[in-house]
Amino acid sequence: MSVRCVIWWEDVSREAEPIFRVWTGARELDWAKESWEALAKRGLTSYSDQVERTLVFVRLMALGGIYLDFCELAFEEIHDAAYTMWASDLCLNTFRVAQCVGSQFSKDEEADDDQLLEDALRNLMDQARSDIHEVLRSRFGDDSLLLVSLWNTVEYEGSELDTSGIRNSIGVGPESSDQENRKMEKGRIDWREDAGGILNCEITGQKLAAFTWIQEGMKSLH
């Protein structure tokens, strides 16, 4: 029986920081850690061979892409995809990436090696997003509370930014008393903080776009 190894957040935190870091003094790395731990509980950060190990790192990149896409939709923080740079920082082996996508991936004879690698990474990351979306919905509660968790990486009580939200018209009601009383473990961030305020204040086009994007599976913007 093959031995399965697990890649914990502590194993990738240094490499993950430039992938997720967007804001000064915000909590995106805390959210990334929380999300990675949720993926670990589903077995999505473990591997038994080098191909599976490559796919674990692809999931880390996909999670980073999800966060950057959210920031672009919700806060107009436009980002340029730097997937090949991320892959280099994570020491991904190009041959292993090729094994993951298979021989039928691209028939474009005009593409150079760099373009083929970028296309392969995009393809793998797009495939990974579906599983990640499912895990994040389960971890944070549902699509609405997933939005709350993402919003709370930037605009939260004590931050210097103003807080706004989505109202009932998008199908989200106030927190139940159970949700209001639900607390995270000691020393951990409550990602549902101010969920009622975030979800029931005046609607904005950017927030609605971000919520719709979450509902539709958090597909790549780039």
C-alpha atoms as a PDB file:
ATOM      1  CA  MET A   1       0.000   0.000   0.000  1.00  0.00           C
ATOM      2  CA  SER A   2       1.384   3.386  -0.988  1.00  0.00           C
ATOM      3  CA  VAL A   3       2.013   5.918   1.751  1.00  0.00           C
ATOM      4  CA  ARG A   4       0.101   9.195   1.459  1.00  0.00           C
ATOM      5  CA  CYS A   5       1.810  12.402   2.469  1.00  0.00           C
ATOM      6  CA  VAL A   6      -0.016  15.599   3.413  1.00  0.00           C
ATOM      7  CA  ILE A   7       0.997  19.130   2.462  1.00  0.00           C
ATOM      8  CA  TRP A   8      -0.013  21.288   5.416  1.00  0.00           C
ATOM      9  CA  TRP A   9      -0.392  25.057   5.306  1.00  0.00           C
ATOM     10  CA  GLU A  10       2.874  25.441   7.208  1.00  0.00           C
ATOM     11  CA  ASP A  11       4.598  23.620   4.344  1.00  0.00           C
ATOM     12  CA  VAL A  12       3.481  26.168   1.753  1.00  0.00           C
ATOM     13  CA  SER A  13       2.827  29.366   3.702  1.00  0.00           C
ATOM     14  CA  ARG A  14       6.010  31.089   2.538  1.00  0.00           C
ATOM     15  CA  GLU A  15       5.324  30.343  -1.138  1.00  0.00           C
ATOM     16  CA  ALA A  16       1.626  31.165  -0.728  1.00  0.00           C
ATOM     17  CA  GLU A  17       2.152  34.660   0.637  1.00  0.00           C
ATOM     18  CA  PRO A  18       2.940  36.373  -2.702  1.00  0.00           C
ATOM     19  CA  ILE A  19       0.058  34.469  -4.322  1.00  0.00           C
ATOM     20  CA  PHE A  20      -2.589  35.708  -1.881  1.00  0.00           C
ATOM     21  CA  ARG A  21      -1.204  39.000  -0.629  1.00  0.00           C
ATOM     22  CA  VAL A  22      -3.341  41.855  -1.933  1.00  0.00           C
ATOM     23  CA  TRP A  23      -4.064  44.196   0.967  1.00  0.00           C
ATOM     24  CA  THR A  24      -1.949  45.903   3.604  1.00  0.00           C
ATOM     25  CA  GLY A  25      -2.952  44.747   7.057  1.00  0.00           C
ATOM     26  CA  ALA A  26      -5.822  42.594   5.786  1.00  0.00           C
ATOM     27  CA  ARG A  27      -6.514  38.946   6.510  1.00  0.00           C
ATOM     28  CA  GLU A  28      -6.308  37.163   3.199  1.00  0.00           C
ATOM     29  CA  LEU A  29      -3.562  34.812   4.399  1.00  0.00           C
ATOM     30  CA  ASP A  30      -5.683  33.821   7.396  1.00  0.00           C
ATOM     31  CA  TRP A  31      -8.550  33.046   5.015  1.00  0.00           C
ATOM     32  CA  ALA A  32      -6.211  31.087   2.766  1.00  0.00           C
ATOM     33  CA  LYS A  33      -4.985  29.032   5.734  1.00  0.00           C
ATOM     34  CA  GLU A  34      -8.562  28.327   6.845  1.00  0.00           C
ATOM     35  CA  SER A  35      -9.491  27.266   3.330  1.00  0.00           C
ATOM     36  CA  TRP A  36      -6.410  25.084   2.912  1.00  0.00           C
ATOM     37  CA  GLU A  37      -7.197  23.295   6.161  1.00  0.00           C
ATOM     38  CA  ALA A  38     -10.686  22.595   4.811  1.00  0.00           C
ATOM     39  CA  LEU A  39      -9.157  21.133   1.645  1.00  0.00           C
ATOM     40  CA  ALA A  40      -6.852  19.018   3.795  1.00  0.00           C
ATOM     41  CA  LYS A  41      -9.824  17.540   5.661  1.00  0.00           C
ATOM     42  CA  ARG A  42     -11.224  16.419   2.301  1.00  0.00           C
ATOM     43  CA  GLY A  43      -7.935  14.784   1.358  1.00  0.00           C
ATOM     44  CA  LEU A  44      -7.212  17.349  -1.349  1.00  0.00           C
ATOM     45  CA  THR A  45      -3.778  18.297  -0.017  1.00  0.00           C
ATOM     46  CA  SER A  46      -2.451  14.733   0.215  1.00  0.00           C
ATOM     47  CA  TYR A  47      -0.588  12.704  -2.397  1.00  0.00           C
ATOM     48  CA  SER A  48       1.075   9.355  -2.961  1.00  0.00           C
ATOM     49  CA  ASP A  49       3.116  10.128  -6.085  1.00  0.00           C
ATOM     50  CA  GLN A  50       4.609  13.091  -7.908  1.00  0.00           C
ATOM     51  CA  VAL A  51       1.659  13.569 -10.252  1.00  0.00           C
ATOM     52  CA  GLU A  52      -0.743  13.828  -7.312  1.00  0.00           C
ATOM     53  CA  ARG A  53       1.716  16.157  -5.562  1.00  0.00           C
ATOM     54  CA  THR A  54       1.667  18.430  -8.603  1.00  0.00           C
ATOM     55  CA  LEU A  55      -2.136  18.510  -8.496  1.00  0.00           C
ATOM     56  CA  VAL A  56      -2.035  19.532  -4.824  1.00  0.00           C
ATOM     57  CA  PHE A  57       0.064  22.566  -5.725  1.00  0.00           C
ATOM     58  CA  VAL A  58      -2.271  23.295  -8.628  1.00  0.00           C
ATOM     59  CA  ARG A  59      -5.103  23.455  -6.073  1.00  0.00           C
ATOM     60  CA  LEU A  60      -3.105  25.995  -4.072  1.00  0.00           C
ATOM     61  CA  MET A  61      -2.707  28.092  -7.218  1.00  0.00           C
ATOM     62  CA  ALA A  62      -6.402  27.702  -8.027  1.00  0.00           C
ATOM     63  CA  LEU A  63      -7.323  28.854  -4.522  1.00  0.00           C
ATOM     64  CA  GLY A  64      -5.106  31.892  -5.000  1.00  0.00           C
ATOM     65  CA  GLY A  65      -6.733  32.598  -8.361  1.00  0.00           C
ATOM     66  CA  ILE A  66     -10.155  32.391  -6.729  1.00  0.00           C
ATOM     67  CA  TYR A  67      -9.197  34.946  -4.110  1.00  0.00           C
ATOM     68  CA  LEU A  68      -7.717  37.363  -6.658  1.00  0.00           C
ATOM     69  CA  ASP A  69     -10.790  37.024  -8.886  1.00  0.00           C
ATOM     70  CA  PHE A  70     -13.018  37.877  -5.932  1.00  0.00           C
ATOM     71  CA  CYS A  71     -10.983  40.989  -5.165  1.00  0.00           C
ATOM     72  CA  GLU A  72     -11.250  42.045  -8.793  1.00  0.00           C
ATOM     73  CA  LEU A  73     -15.029  41.660  -8.859  1.00  0.00           C
ATOM     74  CA  ALA A  74     -15.820  43.030  -5.410  1.00  0.00           C
ATOM     75  CA  PHE A  75     -13.206  45.769  -5.070  1.00  0.00           C
ATOM     76  CA  GLU A  76     -11.929  46.409  -8.613  1.00  0.00           C
ATOM     77  CA  GLU A  77      -8.476  45.185  -7.617  1.00  0.00           C
ATOM     78  CA  ILE A  78      -7.449  44.126 -11.115  1.00  0.00           C
ATOM     79  CA  HIS A  79      -4.798  41.436 -11.280  1.00  0.00           C
ATOM     80  CA  ASP A  80      -2.641  39.967 -14.004  1.00  0.00           C
ATOM     81  CA  ALA A  81      -2.450  36.210 -14.046  1.00  0.00           C
ATOM     82  CA  ALA A  82       1.041  35.119 -12.975  1.00  0.00           C
ATOM     83  CA  TYR A  83       0.483  31.394 -13.059  1.00  0.00           C
ATOM     84  CA  THR A  84       3.816  30.390 -14.567  1.00  0.00           C
ATOM     85  CA  MET A  85       5.621  32.524 -11.987  1.00  0.00           C
ATOM     86  CA  TRP A  86       3.638  30.854  -9.197  1.00  0.00           C
ATOM     87  CA  ALA A  87       4.522  27.461 -10.648  1.00  0.00           C
ATOM     88  CA  SER A  88       8.183  28.407 -10.693  1.00  0.00           C
ATOM     89  CA  ASP A  89       8.085  29.586  -7.079  1.00  0.00           C
ATOM     90  CA  LEU A  90       6.429  26.298  -6.123  1.00  0.00           C
ATOM     91  CA  CYS A  91       9.105  24.386  -8.055  1.00  0.00           C
ATOM     92  CA  LEU A  92       6.543  22.593 -10.189  1.00  0.00           C
ATOM     93  CA  ASN A  93       8.121  20.222 -12.680  1.00  0.00           C
ATOM     94  CA  THR A  94       6.975  20.931 -16.246  1.00  0.00           C
ATOM     95  CA  PHE A  95       7.038  17.247 -17.126  1.00  0.00           C
ATOM     96  CA  ARG A  96       4.745  16.438 -14.178  1.00  0.00           C
ATOM     97  CA  VAL A  97       2.358  19.195 -15.265  1.00  0.00           C
ATOM     98  CA  ALA A  98       2.336  17.635 -18.738  1.00  0.00           C
ATOM     99  CA  GLN A  99       1.541  14.245 -17.207  1.00  0.00           C
ATOM    100  CA  CYS A 100      -1.422  15.786 -15.395  1.00  0.00           C
ATOM    101  CA  VAL A 101      -2.990  17.245 -18.540  1.00  0.00           C
ATOM    102  CA  GLY A 102      -2.229  14.293 -20.817  1.00  0.00           C
ATOM    103  CA  SER A 103      -0.972  14.008 -24.384  1.00  0.00           C
ATOM    104  CA  GLN A 104      -4.202  15.253 -25.978  1.00  0.00           C
ATOM    105  CA  PHE A 105      -4.184  18.599 -24.164  1.00  0.00           C
ATOM    106  CA  SER A 106      -2.987  20.893 -26.985  1.00  0.00           C
ATOM    107  CA  LYS A 107      -2.530  20.479 -30.708  1.00  0.00           C
ATOM    108  CA  ASP A 108      -1.352  24.081 -31.205  1.00  0.00           C
ATOM    109  CA  GLU A 109       1.931  23.601 -33.037  1.00  0.00           C
ATOM    110  CA  GLU A 110       2.626  27.342 -32.978  1.00  0.00           C
ATOM    111  CA  ALA A 111       2.674  27.649 -29.177  1.00  0.00           C
ATOM    112  CA  ASP A 112       6.071  27.856 -27.514  1.00  0.00           C
ATOM    113  CA  ASP A 113       7.006  26.044 -24.332  1.00  0.00           C
ATOM    114  CA  ASP A 114       6.042  28.933 -22.034  1.00  0.00           C
ATOM    115  CA  GLN A 115       2.623  29.291 -23.638  1.00  0.00           C
ATOM    116  CA  LEU A 116       1.989  25.555 -23.476  1.00  0.00           C
ATOM    117  CA  LEU A 117       2.885  25.528 -19.775  1.00  0.00           C
ATOM    118  CA  GLU A 118       0.608  28.476 -19.028  1.00  0.00           C
ATOM    119  CA  ASP A 119      -2.266  26.903 -20.958  1.00  0.00           C
ATOM    120  CA  ALA A 120      -1.748  23.607 -19.146  1.00  0.00           C
ATOM    121  CA  LEU A 121      -1.767  25.305 -15.743  1.00  0.00           C
ATOM    122  CA  ARG A 122      -4.930  27.233 -16.600  1.00  0.00           C
ATOM    123  CA  ASN A 123      -6.608  24.024 -17.696  1.00  0.00           C
ATOM    124  CA  LEU A 124      -5.699  22.198 -14.491  1.00  0.00           C
ATOM    125  CA  MET A 125      -6.665  25.138 -12.280  1.00  0.00           C
ATOM    126  CA  ASP A 126     -10.026  25.449 -14.001  1.00  0.00           C
ATOM    127  CA  GLN A 127     -10.683  21.765 -13.317  1.00  0.00           C
ATOM    128  CA  ALA A 128      -9.706  22.214  -9.659  1.00  0.00           C
ATOM    129  CA  ARG A 129     -12.095  25.105  -9.026  1.00  0.00           C
ATOM    130  CA  SER A 130     -15.206  22.947  -8.919  1.00  0.00           C
ATOM    131  CA  ASP A 131     -13.936  20.813  -6.031  1.00  0.00           C
ATOM    132  CA  ILE A 132     -12.604  23.872  -4.224  1.00  0.00           C
ATOM    133  CA  HIS A 133     -15.933  25.676  -4.532  1.00  0.00           C
ATOM    134  CA  GLU A 134     -17.723  22.682  -3.023  1.00  0.00           C
ATOM    135  CA  VAL A 135     -15.278  22.509  -0.111  1.00  0.00           C
ATOM    136  CA  LEU A 136     -15.467  26.253   0.590  1.00  0.00           C
ATOM    137  CA  ARG A 137     -19.263  26.237   0.547  1.00  0.00           C
ATOM    138  CA  SER A 138     -19.243  23.417   3.068  1.00  0.00           C
ATOM    139  CA  ARG A 139     -16.595  25.034   5.243  1.00  0.00           C
ATOM    140  CA  PHE A 140     -18.142  28.494   5.464  1.00  0.00           C
ATOM    141  CA  GLY A 141     -21.823  27.480   5.260  1.00  0.00           C
ATOM    142  CA  ASP A 142     -23.202  28.257   1.792  1.00  0.00           C
ATOM    143  CA  ASP A 143     -22.622  30.682  -1.077  1.00  0.00           C
ATOM    144  CA  SER A 144     -23.844  33.646   0.984  1.00  0.00           C
ATOM    145  CA  LEU A 145     -21.584  32.905   3.935  1.00  0.00           C
ATOM    146  CA  LEU A 146     -18.701  32.177   1.584  1.00  0.00           C
ATOM    147  CA  LEU A 147     -19.165  35.727   0.318  1.00  0.00           C
ATOM    148  CA  VAL A 148     -19.139  36.941   3.920  1.00  0.00           C
ATOM    149  CA  SER A 149     -15.881  35.132   4.607  1.00  0.00           C
ATOM    150  CA  LEU A 150     -14.238  36.654   1.545  1.00  0.00           C
ATOM    151  CA  TRP A 151     -15.619  40.103   2.344  1.00  0.00           C
ATOM    152  CA  ASN A 152     -14.254  39.831   5.870  1.00  0.00           C
ATOM    153  CA  THR A 153     -10.717  39.505   4.552  1.00  0.00           C
ATOM    154  CA  VAL A 154     -10.942  43.156   3.520  1.00  0.00           C
ATOM    155  CA  GLU A 155     -13.815  44.990   5.180  1.00  0.00           C
ATOM    156  CA  TYR A 156     -14.413  43.898   8.734  1.00  0.00           C
ATOM    157  CA  GLU A 157     -15.046  45.491  12.094  1.00  0.00           C
ATOM    158  CA  GLY A 158     -11.940  47.422  13.032  1.00  0.00           C
ATOM    159  CA  SER A 159     -10.712  47.868   9.460  1.00  0.00           C
ATOM    160  CA  GLU A 160     -10.205  51.310   7.968  1.00  0.00           C
ATOM    161  CA  LEU A 161     -12.569  50.556   5.082  1.00  0.00           C
ATOM    162  CA  ASP A 162     -16.312  51.160   5.032  1.00  0.00           C
ATOM    163  CA  THR A 163     -18.620  48.170   5.205  1.00  0.00           C
ATOM    164  CA  SER A 164     -21.503  47.573   2.810  1.00  0.00           C
ATOM    165  CA  GLY A 165     -23.493  44.501   1.874  1.00  0.00           C
ATOM    166  CA  ILE A 166     -26.090  42.646  -0.092  1.00  0.00           C
ATOM    167  CA  ARG A 167     -29.714  42.900   0.983  1.00  0.00           C
ATOM    168  CA  ASN A 168     -32.489  40.320   1.092  1.00  0.00           C
ATOM    169  CA  SER A 169     -33.392  40.732  -2.581  1.00  0.00           C
ATOM    170  CA  ILE A 170     -30.632  38.351  -3.674  1.00  0.00           C
ATOM    171  CA  GLY A 171     -32.171  35.610  -1.584  1.00  0.00           C
ATOM    172  CA  VAL A 172     -30.210  36.019   1.635  1.00  0.00           C
ATOM    173  CA  GLY A 173     -31.912  36.756   4.934  1.00  0.00           C
ATOM    174  CA  PRO A 174     -30.574  37.935   8.267  1.00  0.00           C
ATOM    175  CA  GLU A 175     -28.531  35.577  10.380  1.00  0.00           C
ATOM    176  CA  SER A 176     -30.479  33.091  12.433  1.00  0.00           C
ATOM    177  CA  SER A 177     -29.962  33.146  16.187  1.00  0.00           C
ATOM    178  CA  ASP A 178     -27.951  29.952  15.767  1.00  0.00           C
ATOM    179  CA  GLN A 179     -25.654  31.646  13.288  1.00  0.00           C
ATOM    180  CA  GLU A 180     -25.348  34.739  15.448  1.00  0.00           C
ATOM    181  CA  ASN A 181     -24.331  32.656  18.448  1.00  0.00           C
ATOM    182  CA  ARG A 182     -21.996  30.385  16.543  1.00  0.00           C
ATOM    183  CA  LYS A 183     -18.391  31.173  17.405  1.00  0.00           C
ATOM    184  CA  MET A 184     -15.110  29.980  15.999  1.00  0.00           C
ATOM    185  CA  GLU A 185     -12.631  28.139  18.165  1.00  0.00           C
ATOM    186  CA  LYS A 186     -10.580  30.231  20.559  1.00  0.00           C
ATOM    187  CA  GLY A 187      -7.862  32.133  18.763  1.00  0.00           C
ATOM    188  CA  ARG A 188      -9.431  31.783  15.308  1.00  0.00           C
ATOM    189  CA  ILE A 189     -11.164  34.397  13.210  1.00  0.00           C
ATOM    190  CA  ASP A 190     -14.951  34.280  13.024  1.00  0.00           C
ATOM    191  CA  TRP A 191     -15.432  34.477   9.268  1.00  0.00           C
ATOM    192  CA  ARG A 192     -19.181  35.000   9.781  1.00  0.00           C
ATOM    193  CA  GLU A 193     -18.581  38.244  11.628  1.00  0.00           C
ATOM    194  CA  ASP A 194     -21.272  40.838  10.837  1.00  0.00           C
ATOM    195  CA  ALA A 195     -22.915  38.484   8.314  1.00  0.00           C
ATOM    196  CA  GLY A 196     -26.275  40.149   8.838  1.00  0.00           C
ATOM    197  CA  GLY A 197     -24.862  43.583   8.086  1.00  0.00           C
ATOM    198  CA  ILE A 198     -22.869  42.416   5.097  1.00  0.00           C
ATOM    199  CA  LEU A 199     -25.765  40.526   3.549  1.00  0.00           C
ATOM    200  CA  ASN A 200     -28.573  42.985   4.244  1.00  0.00           C
ATOM    201  CA  CYS A 201     -27.212  46.458   3.573  1.00  0.00           C
ATOM    202  CA  GLU A 202     -27.706  48.353   0.308  1.00  0.00           C
ATOM    203  CA  ILE A 203     -26.930  46.396  -2.817  1.00  0.00           C
ATOM    204  CA  THR A 204     -23.997  47.328  -5.045  1.00  0.00           C
ATOM    205  CA  GLY A 205     -23.236  46.194  -8.558  1.00  0.00           C
ATOM    206  CA  GLN A 206     -19.786  44.955  -7.595  1.00  0.00           C
ATOM    207  CA  LYS A 207     -21.048  42.903  -4.698  1.00  0.00           C
ATOM    208  CA  LEU A 208     -23.860  41.435  -6.740  1.00  0.00           C
ATOM    209  CA  ALA A 209     -21.369  40.466  -9.440  1.00  0.00           C
ATOM    210  CA  ALA A 210     -19.160  38.780  -6.838  1.00  0.00           C
ATOM    211  CA  PHE A 211     -22.115  36.907  -5.345  1.00  0.00           C
ATOM    212  CA  THR A 212     -23.311  35.729  -8.765  1.00  0.00           C
ATOM    213  CA  TRP A 213     -19.779  34.587  -9.580  1.00  0.00           C
ATOM    214  CA  ILE A 214     -19.712  32.517  -6.384  1.00  0.00           C
ATOM    215  CA  GLN A 215     -23.107  30.987  -7.149  1.00  0.00           C
ATOM    216  CA  GLU A 216     -21.925  30.015 -10.631  1.00  0.00           C
ATOM    217  CA  GLY A 217     -18.913  28.120  -9.342  1.00  0.00           C
ATOM    218  CA  MET A 218     -16.188  30.780  -9.031  1.00  0.00           C
ATOM    219  CA  LYS A 219     -14.991  30.350 -12.611  1.00  0.00           C
ATOM    220  CA  SER A 220     -11.769  31.992 -13.721  1.00  0.00           C
ATOM    221  CA  LEU A 221     -11.928  35.592 -14.942  1.00  0.00           C
ATOM    222  CA  HIS A 222      -8.689  35.325 -16.887  1.00  0.00           C
END
